[in-house]
Structure formats: C-alpha cells, structure tokens
C-alpha atoms as a PDB file:
ATOM      1  CA  UNK A   1    -124.461  75.860-152.491  1.00  0.00           C
ATOM      2  CA  UNK A   2    -123.320  72.331-153.286  1.00  0.00           C
ATOM      3  CA  UNK A   3    -120.231  71.488-155.284  1.00  0.00           C
ATOM      4  CA  UNK A   4    -120.030  68.183-157.120  1.00  0.00           C
ATOM      5  CA  UNK A   5    -116.514  66.960-157.747  1.00  0.00           C
ATOM      6  CA  UNK A   6    -115.791  63.687-159.536  1.00  0.00           C
ATOM      7  CA  UNK A   7    -112.661  61.911-158.337  1.00  0.00           C
ATOM      8  CA  UNK A   8    -111.151  58.499-158.871  1.00  0.00           C
ATOM      9  CA  UNK A   9    -109.184  58.097-155.615  1.00  0.00           C
ATOM     10  CA  UNK A  10    -108.765  59.600-152.167  1.00  0.00           C
ATOM     11  CA  UNK A  11    -105.557  61.334-153.292  1.00  0.00           C
ATOM     12  CA  UNK A  12    -107.415  62.997-156.167  1.00  0.00           C
ATOM     13  CA  UNK A  13    -110.135  64.110-153.752  1.00  0.00           C
ATOM     14  CA  UNK A  14    -107.563  65.631-151.401  1.00  0.00           C
ATOM     15  CA  UNK A  15    -105.848  67.494-154.254  1.00  0.00           C
ATOM     16  CA  UNK A  16    -109.141  68.980-155.456  1.00  0.00           C
ATOM     17  CA  UNK A  17    -110.258  69.830-151.907  1.00  0.00           C
ATOM     18  CA  UNK A  18    -106.915  71.519-151.174  1.00  0.00           C
ATOM     19  CA  UNK A  19    -107.166  73.546-154.371  1.00  0.00           C
ATOM     20  CA  UNK A  20    -110.700  74.646-153.401  1.00  0.00           C
ATOM     21  CA  UNK A  21    -109.467  75.574-149.917  1.00  0.00           C
ATOM     22  CA  UNK A  22    -106.560  77.428-151.497  1.00  0.00           C
ATOM     23  CA  UNK A  23    -108.877  79.536-153.655  1.00  0.00           C
ATOM     24  CA  UNK A  24    -110.528  80.858-150.491  1.00  0.00           C
ATOM     25  CA  UNK A  25    -107.182  82.220-149.256  1.00  0.00           C
ATOM     26  CA  UNK A  26    -105.458  85.491-150.085  1.00  0.00           C
ATOM     27  CA  UNK A  27    -103.099  85.362-153.097  1.00  0.00           C
ATOM     28  CA  UNK A  28    -100.087  84.911-150.784  1.00  0.00           C
ATOM     29  CA  UNK A  29    -101.740  81.905-149.110  1.00  0.00           C
ATOM     30  CA  UNK A  30    -102.641  79.999-152.263  1.00  0.00           C
ATOM     31  CA  UNK A  31    -100.835  76.778-152.970  1.00  0.00           C
ATOM     32  CA  UNK A  32     -99.625  75.463-156.287  1.00  0.00           C
ATOM     33  CA  UNK A  33    -100.769  72.192-157.804  1.00  0.00           C
ATOM     34  CA  UNK A  34     -97.464  70.522-156.893  1.00  0.00           C
ATOM     35  CA  UNK A  35     -97.809  71.672-153.269  1.00  0.00           C
ATOM     36  CA  UNK A  36    -101.388  70.358-153.140  1.00  0.00           C
ATOM     37  CA  UNK A  37    -100.232  67.060-154.598  1.00  0.00           C
ATOM     38  CA  UNK A  38     -97.407  66.600-152.109  1.00  0.00           C
ATOM     39  CA  UNK A  39     -99.635  67.562-149.157  1.00  0.00           C
ATOM     40  CA  UNK A  40    -102.300  65.103-150.325  1.00  0.00           C
ATOM     41  CA  UNK A  41     -99.656  62.346-150.466  1.00  0.00           C
ATOM     42  CA  UNK A  42     -98.673  63.122-146.872  1.00  0.00           C
ATOM     43  CA  UNK A  43    -102.327  63.096-145.796  1.00  0.00           C
ATOM     44  CA  UNK A  44    -102.874  59.767-147.574  1.00  0.00           C
ATOM     45  CA  UNK A  45    -100.100  57.977-145.631  1.00  0.00           C
ATOM     46  CA  UNK A  46    -101.020  54.915-143.512  1.00  0.00           C
ATOM     47  CA  UNK A  47    -102.267  55.394-139.947  1.00  0.00           C
ATOM     48  CA  UNK A  48     -98.874  54.567-138.426  1.00  0.00           C
ATOM     49  CA  UNK A  49     -97.769  58.040-139.601  1.00  0.00           C
ATOM     50  CA  UNK A  50    -100.746  59.822-138.022  1.00  0.00           C
ATOM     51  CA  UNK A  51     -98.730  61.580-135.314  1.00  0.00           C
ATOM     52  CA  UNK A  52     -95.452  61.957-137.242  1.00  0.00           C
ATOM     53  CA  UNK A  53     -96.765  62.769-140.696  1.00  0.00           C
ATOM     54  CA  UNK A  54     -93.754  64.875-141.751  1.00  0.00           C
ATOM     55  CA  UNK A  55     -90.833  62.971-140.189  1.00  0.00           C
ATOM     56  CA  UNK A  56     -87.877  61.560-142.124  1.00  0.00           C
ATOM     57  CA  UNK A  57     -89.446  58.151-142.776  1.00  0.00           C
ATOM     58  CA  UNK A  58     -92.695  59.697-144.051  1.00  0.00           C
ATOM     59  CA  UNK A  59     -90.762  62.126-146.270  1.00  0.00           C
ATOM     60  CA  UNK A  60     -88.778  59.309-147.867  1.00  0.00           C
ATOM     61  CA  UNK A  61     -91.966  57.307-148.445  1.00  0.00           C
ATOM     62  CA  UNK A  62     -93.680  60.278-150.124  1.00  0.00           C
ATOM     63  CA  UNK A  63     -90.577  61.130-152.165  1.00  0.00           C
ATOM     64  CA  UNK A  64     -90.335  57.579-153.468  1.00  0.00           C
ATOM     65  CA  UNK A  65     -94.023  57.535-154.442  1.00  0.00           C
ATOM     66  CA  UNK A  66     -93.301  59.811-157.417  1.00  0.00           C
ATOM     67  CA  UNK A  67     -92.270  58.310-160.763  1.00  0.00           C
ATOM     68  CA  UNK A  68     -89.030  60.263-160.488  1.00  0.00           C
ATOM     69  CA  UNK A  69     -88.335  60.481-156.741  1.00  0.00           C
ATOM     70  CA  UNK A  70     -88.083  63.977-155.290  1.00  0.00           C
ATOM     71  CA  UNK A  71     -84.775  65.062-153.867  1.00  0.00           C
ATOM     72  CA  UNK A  72     -84.345  65.953-150.207  1.00  0.00           C
ATOM     73  CA  UNK A  73     -84.000  69.674-150.966  1.00  0.00           C
ATOM     74  CA  UNK A  74     -87.112  69.796-153.179  1.00  0.00           C
ATOM     75  CA  UNK A  75     -89.147  68.049-150.476  1.00  0.00           C
ATOM     76  CA  UNK A  76     -87.857  70.419-147.778  1.00  0.00           C
ATOM     77  CA  UNK A  77     -88.610  73.473-149.920  1.00  0.00           C
ATOM     78  CA  UNK A  78     -92.207  72.394-150.526  1.00  0.00           C
ATOM     79  CA  UNK A  79     -92.794  71.630-146.843  1.00  0.00           C
ATOM     80  CA  UNK A  80     -91.308  75.012-145.890  1.00  0.00           C
ATOM     81  CA  UNK A  81     -93.560  76.744-148.412  1.00  0.00           C
ATOM     82  CA  UNK A  82     -96.638  74.938-147.063  1.00  0.00           C
ATOM     83  CA  UNK A  83     -95.609  75.947-143.532  1.00  0.00           C
ATOM     84  CA  UNK A  84     -95.257  79.602-144.515  1.00  0.00           C
ATOM     85  CA  UNK A  85     -98.689  79.526-146.171  1.00  0.00           C
ATOM     86  CA  UNK A  86    -100.282  77.983-143.065  1.00  0.00           C
ATOM     87  CA  UNK A  87    -101.231  74.544-144.396  1.00  0.00           C
ATOM     88  CA  UNK A  88     -98.703  72.887-142.070  1.00  0.00           C
ATOM     89  CA  UNK A  89     -98.213  74.176-138.526  1.00  0.00           C
ATOM     90  CA  UNK A  90     -95.999  73.302-135.569  1.00  0.00           C
ATOM     91  CA  UNK A  91     -97.911  71.504-132.841  1.00  0.00           C
ATOM     92  CA  UNK A  92     -97.499  72.001-129.111  1.00  0.00           C
ATOM     93  CA  UNK A  93     -94.450  69.749-129.042  1.00  0.00           C
ATOM     94  CA  UNK A  94     -92.884  71.486-132.085  1.00  0.00           C
ATOM     95  CA  UNK A  95     -93.747  68.611-134.447  1.00  0.00           C
ATOM     96  CA  UNK A  96     -95.104  69.565-137.868  1.00  0.00           C
ATOM     97  CA  UNK A  97     -98.794  68.724-138.278  1.00  0.00           C
ATOM     98  CA  UNK A  98    -101.429  69.610-140.879  1.00  0.00           C
ATOM     99  CA  UNK A  99    -103.399  72.743-140.017  1.00  0.00           C
ATOM    100  CA  UNK A 100    -106.868  72.225-138.497  1.00  0.00           C
ATOM    101  CA  UNK A 101    -108.542  73.191-141.804  1.00  0.00           C
ATOM    102  CA  UNK A 102    -106.522  70.563-143.669  1.00  0.00           C
ATOM    103  CA  UNK A 103    -107.138  67.927-140.985  1.00  0.00           C
ATOM    104  CA  UNK A 104    -110.897  68.319-141.437  1.00  0.00           C
ATOM    105  CA  UNK A 105    -110.655  67.226-145.061  1.00  0.00           C
END
C-alpha cells in the first residue's frame, strides 16, 4: 500500500511522518502534535548538531525557532515525554539520540 502525503517543507514531512509512525504505536506510545513538531525541529537542525542533537545549544536554537519561544521547563518536559515514549533514547555514551525508527525518516 502506498501513501501519498503532500508537504511544503522538510519539517512538514517530518511532522506527518512522525504522526504516521505514532499511529502504529500503542496508545501510551503515541505522541501529540506538539511533540511531533518539536521532534521534527530537532531533526531538521543543521549537520553540526548531528551527534549532539539534544544538547543545550540545540535546545536553545529550537526554542527560539517558535514565534513565542518555549521556556526551558516546557522544552525539558517535551523531551522527557518523548524519551518515555521511546522516540528519543540514550546512546552508548548516555547522550540523547533519536530512536532508530526516527533516524530512518
């Protein structure tokens, strides 16, 4: 079965792909639209953030990309929620990285 999804940017594609991936999960593992949006912004960061996608500098860059910048606590809560749902995992060196399923998008 093929799915045709019309998108206008890579961020929009990532949001729609994450929502499709989320619908395949159990109800506890599904992400909200705001979580999909924030994860897509992290995935859309420049290559210099490839290995440290969720560090302090990347978080401040993503937070400032919103019209009304996200606060530190809101950002931390969303990252914690994504970690609990399995979309972000701790790598071998205890650094947060996107899960393998998310990395393949």
